[in-house]
PDB file of N, CA and C in Angstrom:
ATOM      1  N   MET A   1      53.615  73.105 101.548  1.00  0.00           N
ATOM      2  CA  MET A   1      53.485  71.658 101.533  1.00  0.00           C
ATOM      3  C   MET A   1      52.271  71.271 100.705  1.00  0.00           C
ATOM      4  N   GLY A   2      52.421  70.250  99.879  1.00  0.00           N
ATOM      5  CA  GLY A   2      51.345  69.799  99.002  1.00  0.00           C
ATOM      6  C   GLY A   2      50.460  68.751  99.664  1.00  0.00           C
ATOM      7  N   THR A   3      49.635  68.140  98.857  1.00  0.00           N
ATOM      8  CA  THR A   3      48.734  67.088  99.317  1.00  0.00           C
ATOM      9  C   THR A   3      49.510  65.785  99.490  1.00  0.00           C
ATOM     10  N   PRO A   4      49.366  65.119 100.634  1.00  0.00           N
ATOM     11  CA  PRO A   4      50.049  63.839 100.814  1.00  0.00           C
ATOM     12  C   PRO A   4      49.594  62.815  99.770  1.00  0.00           C
ATOM     13  N   ALA A   5      50.525  62.034  99.276  1.00  0.00           N
ATOM     14  CA  ALA A   5      50.200  61.019  98.272  1.00  0.00           C
ATOM     15  C   ALA A   5      49.143  60.047  98.781  1.00  0.00           C
ATOM     16  N   SER A   6      49.159  59.767 100.072  1.00  0.00           N
ATOM     17  CA  SER A   6      48.208  58.808 100.646  1.00  0.00           C
ATOM     18  C   SER A   6      46.765  59.302 100.597  1.00  0.00           C
ATOM     19  N   GLU A   7      46.569  60.606 100.366  1.00  0.00           N
ATOM     20  CA  GLU A   7      45.218  61.144 100.224  1.00  0.00           C
ATOM     21  C   GLU A   7      44.734  61.081  98.773  1.00  0.00           C
ATOM     22  N   VAL A   8      45.637  60.786  97.847  1.00  0.00           N
ATOM     23  CA  VAL A   8      45.307  60.765  96.424  1.00  0.00           C
ATOM     24  C   VAL A   8      45.358  59.350  95.852  1.00  0.00           C
ATOM     25  N   TYR A   9      46.292  58.530  96.333  1.00  0.00           N
ATOM     26  CA  TYR A   9      46.544  57.213  95.749  1.00  0.00           C
ATOM     27  C   TYR A   9      46.418  56.088  96.764  1.00  0.00           C
ATOM     28  N   ARG A  10      46.189  54.889  96.243  1.00  0.00           N
ATOM     29  CA  ARG A  10      46.218  53.637  96.996  1.00  0.00           C
ATOM     30  C   ARG A  10      47.129  52.682  96.229  1.00  0.00           C
ATOM     31  N   VAL A  11      47.846  51.847  96.961  1.00  0.00           N
ATOM     32  CA  VAL A  11      48.771  50.900  96.342  1.00  0.00           C
ATOM     33  C   VAL A  11      48.476  49.510  96.891  1.00  0.00           C
ATOM     34  N   ALA A  12      48.466  48.534  96.009  1.00  0.00           N
ATOM     35  CA  ALA A  12      48.233  47.151  96.441  1.00  0.00           C
ATOM     36  C   ALA A  12      48.904  46.185  95.476  1.00  0.00           C
ATOM     37  N   GLY A  13      49.192  45.016  95.980  1.00  0.00           N
ATOM     38  CA  GLY A  13      49.639  43.925  95.133  1.00  0.00           C
ATOM     39  C   GLY A  13      48.415  43.172  94.655  1.00  0.00           C
ATOM     40  N   GLU A  14      48.324  42.935  93.367  1.00  0.00           N
ATOM     41  CA  GLU A  14      47.180  42.234  92.789  1.00  0.00           C
ATOM     42  C   GLU A  14      47.680  41.140  91.861  1.00  0.00           C
ATOM     43  N   ASP A  15      46.844  40.121  91.671  1.00  0.00           N
ATOM     44  CA  ASP A  15      47.186  39.053  90.727  1.00  0.00           C
ATOM     45  C   ASP A  15      47.352  39.631  89.333  1.00  0.00           C
ATOM     46  N   ARG A  16      48.393  39.167  88.630  1.00  0.00           N
ATOM     47  CA  ARG A  16      48.572  39.546  87.232  1.00  0.00           C
ATOM     48  C   ARG A  16      47.600  38.757  86.380  1.00  0.00           C
ATOM     49  N   ARG A  17      47.355  39.266  85.206  1.00  0.00           N
ATOM     50  CA  ARG A  17      46.531  38.500  84.268  1.00  0.00           C
ATOM     51  C   ARG A  17      47.183  37.150  84.062  1.00  0.00           C
ATOM     52  N   ARG A  18      46.390  36.139  83.940  1.00  0.00           N
ATOM     53  CA  ARG A  18      46.907  34.770  83.863  1.00  0.00           C
ATOM     54  C   ARG A  18      47.768  34.551  82.624  1.00  0.00           C
ATOM     55  N   ASN A  19      48.900  33.919  82.861  1.00  0.00           N
ATOM     56  CA  ASN A  19      49.825  33.538  81.809  1.00  0.00           C
ATOM     57  C   ASN A  19      50.324  32.149  82.184  1.00  0.00           C
ATOM     58  N   GLY A  20      49.915  31.155  81.453  1.00  0.00           N
ATOM     59  CA  GLY A  20      50.240  29.779  81.782  1.00  0.00           C
ATOM     60  C   GLY A  20      51.720  29.516  81.925  1.00  0.00           C
ATOM     61  N   LEU A  21      52.540  30.086  81.041  1.00  0.00           N
ATOM     62  CA  LEU A  21      53.979  29.853  81.094  1.00  0.00           C
ATOM     63  C   LEU A  21      54.580  30.446  82.360  1.00  0.00           C
ATOM     64  N   ARG A  22      54.200  31.680  82.711  1.00  0.00           N
ATOM     65  CA  ARG A  22      54.719  32.332  83.919  1.00  0.00           C
ATOM     66  C   ARG A  22      54.296  31.540  85.148  1.00  0.00           C
ATOM     67  N   TRP A  23      53.017  31.105  85.176  1.00  0.00           N
ATOM     68  CA  TRP A  23      52.512  30.344  86.313  1.00  0.00           C
ATOM     69  C   TRP A  23      53.287  29.037  86.460  1.00  0.00           C
ATOM     70  N   ALA A  24      53.485  28.336  85.366  1.00  0.00           N
ATOM     71  CA  ALA A  24      54.211  27.069  85.396  1.00  0.00           C
ATOM     72  C   ALA A  24      55.655  27.281  85.851  1.00  0.00           C
ATOM     73  N   ALA A  25      56.295  28.320  85.355  1.00  0.00           N
ATOM     74  CA  ALA A  25      57.674  28.615  85.751  1.00  0.00           C
ATOM     75  C   ALA A  25      57.758  28.910  87.243  1.00  0.00           C
ATOM     76  N   THR A  26      56.781  29.633  87.778  1.00  0.00           N
ATOM     77  CA  THR A  26      56.766  29.947  89.201  1.00  0.00           C
ATOM     78  C   THR A  26      56.618  28.671  90.027  1.00  0.00           C
ATOM     79  N   VAL A  27      55.735  27.778  89.605  1.00  0.00           N
ATOM     80  CA  VAL A  27      55.531  26.517  90.316  1.00  0.00           C
ATOM     81  C   VAL A  27      56.802  25.671  90.280  1.00  0.00           C
ATOM     82  N   VAL A  28      57.388  25.523  89.100  1.00  0.00           N
ATOM     83  CA  VAL A  28      58.596  24.705  88.962  1.00  0.00           C
ATOM     84  C   VAL A  28      59.727  25.285  89.794  1.00  0.00           C
ATOM     85  N   MET A  29      59.933  26.576  89.721  1.00  0.00           N
ATOM     86  CA  MET A  29      61.021  27.195  90.481  1.00  0.00           C
ATOM     87  C   MET A  29      60.757  27.094  91.975  1.00  0.00           C
ATOM     88  N   GLY A  30      59.496  27.153  92.375  1.00  0.00           N
ATOM     89  CA  GLY A  30      59.149  26.962  93.779  1.00  0.00           C
ATOM     90  C   GLY A  30      59.491  25.560  94.247  1.00  0.00           C
ATOM     91  N   LEU A  31      59.221  24.575  93.397  1.00  0.00           N
ATOM     92  CA  LEU A  31      59.552  23.191  93.731  1.00  0.00           C
ATOM     93  C   LEU A  31      61.066  22.980  93.826  1.00  0.00           C
ATOM     94  N   LEU A  32      61.807  23.751  93.050  1.00  0.00           N
ATOM     95  CA  LEU A  32      63.265  23.668  93.074  1.00  0.00           C
ATOM     96  C   LEU A  32      63.865  24.574  94.147  1.00  0.00           C
ATOM     97  N   ASP A  33      62.995  25.163  94.979  1.00  0.00           N
ATOM     98  CA  ASP A  33      63.399  26.062  96.058  1.00  0.00           C
ATOM     99  C   ASP A  33      64.141  27.286  95.521  1.00  0.00           C
ATOM    100  N   SER A  34      63.683  27.793  94.394  1.00  0.00           N
ATOM    101  CA  SER A  34      64.214  29.026  93.818  1.00  0.00           C
ATOM    102  C   SER A  34      63.139  30.100  93.886  1.00  0.00           C
ATOM    103  N   GLY A  35      62.342  30.068  94.932  1.00  0.00           N
ATOM    104  CA  GLY A  35      61.162  30.911  95.041  1.00  0.00           C
ATOM    105  C   GLY A  35      61.384  32.386  94.802  1.00  0.00           C
ATOM    106  N   SER A  36      62.490  32.942  95.277  1.00  0.00           N
ATOM    107  CA  SER A  36      62.699  34.378  95.119  1.00  0.00           C
ATOM    108  C   SER A  36      63.052  34.764  93.691  1.00  0.00           C
ATOM    109  N   ASP A  37      63.577  33.810  92.920  1.00  0.00           N
ATOM    110  CA  ASP A  37      63.913  34.087  91.522  1.00  0.00           C
ATOM    111  C   ASP A  37      62.777  33.755  90.570  1.00  0.00           C
ATOM    112  N   ALA A  38      61.717  33.166  91.098  1.00  0.00           N
ATOM    113  CA  ALA A  38      60.585  32.770  90.266  1.00  0.00           C
ATOM    114  C   ALA A  38      59.883  34.011  89.729  1.00  0.00           C
ATOM    115  N   PRO A  39      59.320  33.930  88.522  1.00  0.00           N
ATOM    116  CA  PRO A  39      58.589  35.073  87.982  1.00  0.00           C
ATOM    117  C   PRO A  39      57.369  35.377  88.853  1.00  0.00           C
ATOM    118  N   SER A  40      57.175  36.625  89.136  1.00  0.00           N
ATOM    119  CA  SER A  40      56.065  37.027  89.996  1.00  0.00           C
ATOM    120  C   SER A  40      54.731  36.811  89.301  1.00  0.00           C
ATOM    121  N   THR A  41      53.775  36.303  90.056  1.00  0.00           N
ATOM    122  CA  THR A  41      52.416  36.163  89.528  1.00  0.00           C
ATOM    123  C   THR A  41      51.558  37.335  89.994  1.00  0.00           C
ATOM    124  N   ASN A  42      52.189  38.314  90.650  1.00  0.00           N
ATOM    125  CA  ASN A  42      51.501  39.523  91.110  1.00  0.00           C
ATOM    126  C   ASN A  42      52.131  40.755  90.497  1.00  0.00           C
ATOM    127  N   GLU A  43      51.410  41.853  90.580  1.00  0.00           N
ATOM    128  CA  GLU A  43      51.931  43.138  90.129  1.00  0.00           C
ATOM    129  C   GLU A  43      51.475  44.207  91.103  1.00  0.00           C
ATOM    130  N   VAL A  44      52.243  45.291  91.188  1.00  0.00           N
ATOM    131  CA  VAL A  44      51.863  46.416  92.017  1.00  0.00           C
ATOM    132  C   VAL A  44      50.925  47.291  91.198  1.00  0.00           C
ATOM    133  N   VAL A  45      49.781  47.635  91.795  1.00  0.00           N
ATOM    134  CA  VAL A  45      48.792  48.472  91.120  1.00  0.00           C
ATOM    135  C   VAL A  45      48.604  49.749  91.920  1.00  0.00           C
ATOM    136  N   ILE A  46      48.729  50.877  91.231  1.00  0.00           N
ATOM    137  CA  ILE A  46      48.497  52.189  91.844  1.00  0.00           C
ATOM    138  C   ILE A  46      47.141  52.672  91.354  1.00  0.00           C
ATOM    139  N   ARG A  47      46.278  53.015  92.294  1.00  0.00           N
ATOM    140  CA  ARG A  47      44.941  53.517  91.974  1.00  0.00           C
ATOM    141  C   ARG A  47      44.731  54.863  92.653  1.00  0.00           C
ATOM    142  N   ARG A  48      43.843  55.650  92.059  1.00  0.00           N
ATOM    143  CA  ARG A  48      43.379  56.848  92.753  1.00  0.00           C
ATOM    144  C   ARG A  48      42.445  56.384  93.859  1.00  0.00           C
ATOM    145  N   VAL A  49      42.166  57.244  94.818  1.00  0.00           N
ATOM    146  CA  VAL A  49      41.283  56.848  95.916  1.00  0.00           C
ATOM    147  C   VAL A  49      39.888  56.497  95.419  1.00  0.00           C
ATOM    148  N   ASP A  50      39.510  56.966  94.223  1.00  0.00           N
ATOM    149  CA  ASP A  50      38.200  56.612  93.664  1.00  0.00           C
ATOM    150  C   ASP A  50      38.194  55.207  93.044  1.00  0.00           C
ATOM    151  N   GLY A  51      39.355  54.532  93.047  1.00  0.00           N
ATOM    152  CA  GLY A  51      39.447  53.174  92.530  1.00  0.00           C
ATOM    153  C   GLY A  51      39.950  53.050  91.108  1.00  0.00           C
ATOM    154  N   SER A  52      40.063  54.158  90.384  1.00  0.00           N
ATOM    155  CA  SER A  52      40.534  54.083  89.000  1.00  0.00           C
ATOM    156  C   SER A  52      42.025  53.754  88.954  1.00  0.00           C
ATOM    157  N   VAL A  53      42.395  52.874  88.036  1.00  0.00           N
ATOM    158  CA  VAL A  53      43.787  52.430  87.903  1.00  0.00           C
ATOM    159  C   VAL A  53      44.609  53.521  87.238  1.00  0.00           C
ATOM    160  N   VAL A  54      45.738  53.826  87.864  1.00  0.00           N
ATOM    161  CA  VAL A  54      46.666  54.823  87.327  1.00  0.00           C
ATOM    162  C   VAL A  54      47.859  54.130  86.678  1.00  0.00           C
ATOM    163  N   ALA A  55      48.358  53.075  87.319  1.00  0.00           N
ATOM    164  CA  ALA A  55      49.529  52.377  86.790  1.00  0.00           C
ATOM    165  C   ALA A  55      49.572  50.950  87.305  1.00  0.00           C
ATOM    166  N   ARG A  56      50.086  50.066  86.456  1.00  0.00           N
ATOM    167  CA  ARG A  56      50.378  48.682  86.829  1.00  0.00           C
ATOM    168  C   ARG A  56      51.869  48.480  86.612  1.00  0.00           C
ATOM    169  N   LEU A  57      52.572  48.133  87.668  1.00  0.00           N
ATOM    170  CA  LEU A  57      54.017  47.963  87.594  1.00  0.00           C
ATOM    171  C   LEU A  57      54.326  46.471  87.646  1.00  0.00           C
ATOM    172  N   LYS A  58      54.935  45.952  86.624  1.00  0.00           N
ATOM    173  CA  LYS A  58      55.172  44.521  86.509  1.00  0.00           C
ATOM    174  C   LYS A  58      56.614  44.171  86.878  1.00  0.00           C
ATOM    175  N   PRO A  59      56.825  43.629  88.055  1.00  0.00           N
ATOM    176  CA  PRO A  59      58.175  43.216  88.438  1.00  0.00           C
ATOM    177  C   PRO A  59      58.548  41.924  87.744  1.00  0.00           C
ATOM    178  N   GLY A  60      59.814  41.626  87.724  1.00  0.00           N
ATOM    179  CA  GLY A  60      60.256  40.406  87.082  1.00  0.00           C
ATOM    180  C   GLY A  60      60.130  39.181  87.969  1.00  0.00           C
ATOM    181  N   SER A  61      60.581  39.267  89.222  1.00  0.00           N
ATOM    182  CA  SER A  61      60.609  38.103  90.096  1.00  0.00           C
ATOM    183  C   SER A  61      59.793  38.360  91.364  1.00  0.00           C
ATOM    184  N   VAL A  62      59.653  37.309  92.153  1.00  0.00           N
ATOM    185  CA  VAL A  62      58.945  37.430  93.428  1.00  0.00           C
ATOM    186  C   VAL A  62      59.646  38.450  94.318  1.00  0.00           C
ATOM    187  N   ASP A  63      60.980  38.399  94.381  1.00  0.00           N
ATOM    188  CA  ASP A  63      61.728  39.370  95.188  1.00  0.00           C
ATOM    189  C   ASP A  63      61.521  40.796  94.678  1.00  0.00           C
ATOM    190  N   ASP A  64      61.540  40.969  93.355  1.00  0.00           N
ATOM    191  CA  ASP A  64      61.321  42.299  92.769  1.00  0.00           C
ATOM    192  C   ASP A  64      59.964  42.841  93.191  1.00  0.00           C
ATOM    193  N   PHE A  65      58.946  41.992  93.154  1.00  0.00           N
ATOM    194  CA  PHE A  65      57.599  42.405  93.541  1.00  0.00           C
ATOM    195  C   PHE A  65      57.576  42.883  94.984  1.00  0.00           C
ATOM    196  N   GLU A  66      58.150  42.110  95.889  1.00  0.00           N
ATOM    197  CA  GLU A  66      58.140  42.469  97.304  1.00  0.00           C
ATOM    198  C   GLU A  66      58.912  43.762  97.560  1.00  0.00           C
ATOM    199  N   THR A  67      60.068  43.895  96.930  1.00  0.00           N
ATOM    200  CA  THR A  67      60.881  45.103  97.089  1.00  0.00           C
ATOM    201  C   THR A  67      60.141  46.323  96.554  1.00  0.00           C
ATOM    202  N   GLN A  68      59.566  46.175  95.365  1.00  0.00           N
ATOM    203  CA  GLN A  68      58.838  47.285  94.740  1.00  0.00           C
ATOM    204  C   GLN A  68      57.628  47.693  95.587  1.00  0.00           C
ATOM    205  N   LEU A  69      56.857  46.728  96.061  1.00  0.00           N
ATOM    206  CA  LEU A  69      55.679  47.032  96.867  1.00  0.00           C
ATOM    207  C   LEU A  69      56.075  47.732  98.168  1.00  0.00           C
ATOM    208  N   ASN A  70      57.135  47.273  98.814  1.00  0.00           N
ATOM    209  CA  ASN A  70      57.597  47.912 100.044  1.00  0.00           C
ATOM    210  C   ASN A  70      58.054  49.345  99.807  1.00  0.00           C
ATOM    211  N   GLU A  71      58.809  49.567  98.725  1.00  0.00           N
ATOM    212  CA  GLU A  71      59.306  50.913  98.418  1.00  0.00           C
ATOM    213  C   GLU A  71      58.158  51.868  98.087  1.00  0.00           C
ATOM    214  N   ILE A  72      57.213  51.409  97.278  1.00  0.00           N
ATOM    215  CA  ILE A  72      56.090  52.262  96.893  1.00  0.00           C
ATOM    216  C   ILE A  72      55.218  52.574  98.101  1.00  0.00           C
ATOM    217  N   THR A  73      54.997  51.595  98.961  1.00  0.00           N
ATOM    218  CA  THR A  73      54.195  51.812 100.165  1.00  0.00           C
ATOM    219  C   THR A  73      54.863  52.836 101.074  1.00  0.00           C
ATOM    220  N   ALA A  74      56.186  52.758 101.218  1.00  0.00           N
ATOM    221  CA  ALA A  74      56.914  53.742 102.032  1.00  0.00           C
ATOM    222  C   ALA A  74      56.806  55.133 101.417  1.00  0.00           C
ATOM    223  N   ASP A  75      56.952  55.226 100.092  1.00  0.00           N
ATOM    224  CA  ASP A  75      56.833  56.519  99.415  1.00  0.00           C
ATOM    225  C   ASP A  75      55.420  57.079  99.536  1.00  0.00           C
ATOM    226  N   LEU A  76      54.424  56.231  99.477  1.00  0.00           N
ATOM    227  CA  LEU A  76      53.037  56.662  99.616  1.00  0.00           C
ATOM    228  C   LEU A  76      52.821  57.334 100.969  1.00  0.00           C
ATOM    229  N   ALA A  77      53.466  56.813 102.000  1.00  0.00           N
ATOM    230  CA  ALA A  77      53.320  57.361 103.355  1.00  0.00           C
ATOM    231  C   ALA A  77      54.163  58.611 103.593  1.00  0.00           C
ATOM    232  N   SER A  78      55.222  58.796 102.801  1.00  0.00           N
ATOM    233  CA  SER A  78      56.153  59.884 103.108  1.00  0.00           C
ATOM    234  C   SER A  78      56.205  61.018 102.083  1.00  0.00           C
ATOM    235  N   LEU A  79      55.730  60.792 100.859  1.00  0.00           N
ATOM    236  CA  LEU A  79      55.829  61.820  99.812  1.00  0.00           C
ATOM    237  C   LEU A  79      54.507  62.538  99.597  1.00  0.00           C
ATOM    238  N   ASP A  80      54.618  63.738  99.055  1.00  0.00           N
ATOM    239  CA  ASP A  80      53.430  64.435  98.572  1.00  0.00           C
ATOM    240  C   ASP A  80      53.018  63.815  97.235  1.00  0.00           C
ATOM    241  N   ALA A  81      51.802  64.115  96.794  1.00  0.00           N
ATOM    242  CA  ALA A  81      51.229  63.493  95.598  1.00  0.00           C
ATOM    243  C   ALA A  81      52.056  63.749  94.336  1.00  0.00           C
ATOM    244  N   VAL A  82      52.536  64.973  94.147  1.00  0.00           N
ATOM    245  CA  VAL A  82      53.268  65.294  92.913  1.00  0.00           C
ATOM    246  C   VAL A  82      54.603  64.542  92.834  1.00  0.00           C
ATOM    247  N   PRO A  83      55.444  64.582  93.868  1.00  0.00           N
ATOM    248  CA  PRO A  83      56.686  63.803  93.772  1.00  0.00           C
ATOM    249  C   PRO A  83      56.439  62.295  93.647  1.00  0.00           C
ATOM    250  N   PHE A  84      55.395  61.800  94.306  1.00  0.00           N
ATOM    251  CA  PHE A  84      55.048  60.386  94.186  1.00  0.00           C
ATOM    252  C   PHE A  84      54.690  60.050  92.742  1.00  0.00           C
ATOM    253  N   ALA A  85      53.848  60.878  92.130  1.00  0.00           N
ATOM    254  CA  ALA A  85      53.442  60.658  90.741  1.00  0.00           C
ATOM    255  C   ALA A  85      54.632  60.764  89.795  1.00  0.00           C
ATOM    256  N   GLU A  86      55.520  61.712  90.042  1.00  0.00           N
ATOM    257  CA  GLU A  86      56.704  61.858  89.191  1.00  0.00           C
ATOM    258  C   GLU A  86      57.586  60.618  89.257  1.00  0.00           C
ATOM    259  N   LYS A  87      57.686  60.023  90.440  1.00  0.00           N
ATOM    260  CA  LYS A  87      58.563  58.853  90.617  1.00  0.00           C
ATOM    261  C   LYS A  87      57.926  57.575  90.079  1.00  0.00           C
ATOM    262  N   TRP A  88      56.632  57.358  90.334  1.00  0.00           N
ATOM    263  CA  TRP A  88      56.030  56.057  90.074  1.00  0.00           C
ATOM    264  C   TRP A  88      55.058  56.017  88.902  1.00  0.00           C
ATOM    265  N   ILE A  89      54.541  57.167  88.480  1.00  0.00           N
ATOM    266  CA  ILE A  89      53.503  57.148  87.456  1.00  0.00           C
ATOM    267  C   ILE A  89      53.957  57.759  86.140  1.00  0.00           C
ATOM    268  N   ALA A  90      54.705  58.854  86.214  1.00  0.00           N
ATOM    269  CA  ALA A  90      55.128  59.564  84.998  1.00  0.00           C
ATOM    270  C   ALA A  90      55.966  58.646  84.121  1.00  0.00           C
ATOM    271  N   ALA A  91      55.785  58.754  82.829  1.00  0.00           N
ATOM    272  CA  ALA A  91      56.576  57.967  81.884  1.00  0.00           C
ATOM    273  C   ALA A  91      58.025  58.412  81.949  1.00  0.00           C
ATOM    274  N   PRO A  92      58.961  57.471  81.925  1.00  0.00           N
ATOM    275  CA  PRO A  92      60.373  57.845  81.957  1.00  0.00           C
ATOM    276  C   PRO A  92      60.744  58.678  80.745  1.00  0.00           C
ATOM    277  N   ALA A  93      61.633  59.607  80.956  1.00  0.00           N
ATOM    278  CA  ALA A  93      62.055  60.515  79.866  1.00  0.00           C
ATOM    279  C   ALA A  93      62.914  59.806  78.861  1.00  0.00           C
TER     280      ALA A  93
END
């Protein structure tokens, strides 16, 4: 058995860099009660336990962000570090 991913990585939702168009679209869609389809103003950030950023995952919508954060958090608790890194950090082939 390898090192648990939770001993190597931390995962959190963080504000994305400001983009006026994305922010405006999120506000407008929220007013139209399309909140789950609105572009996310957050991103999932994977860091090493020392705080260094390993990956920023940019979801498309608010729902995508929530789904992605929940899945990554579950994997962080259940996978070893290498399979976690292969799934979430390694560049796709």
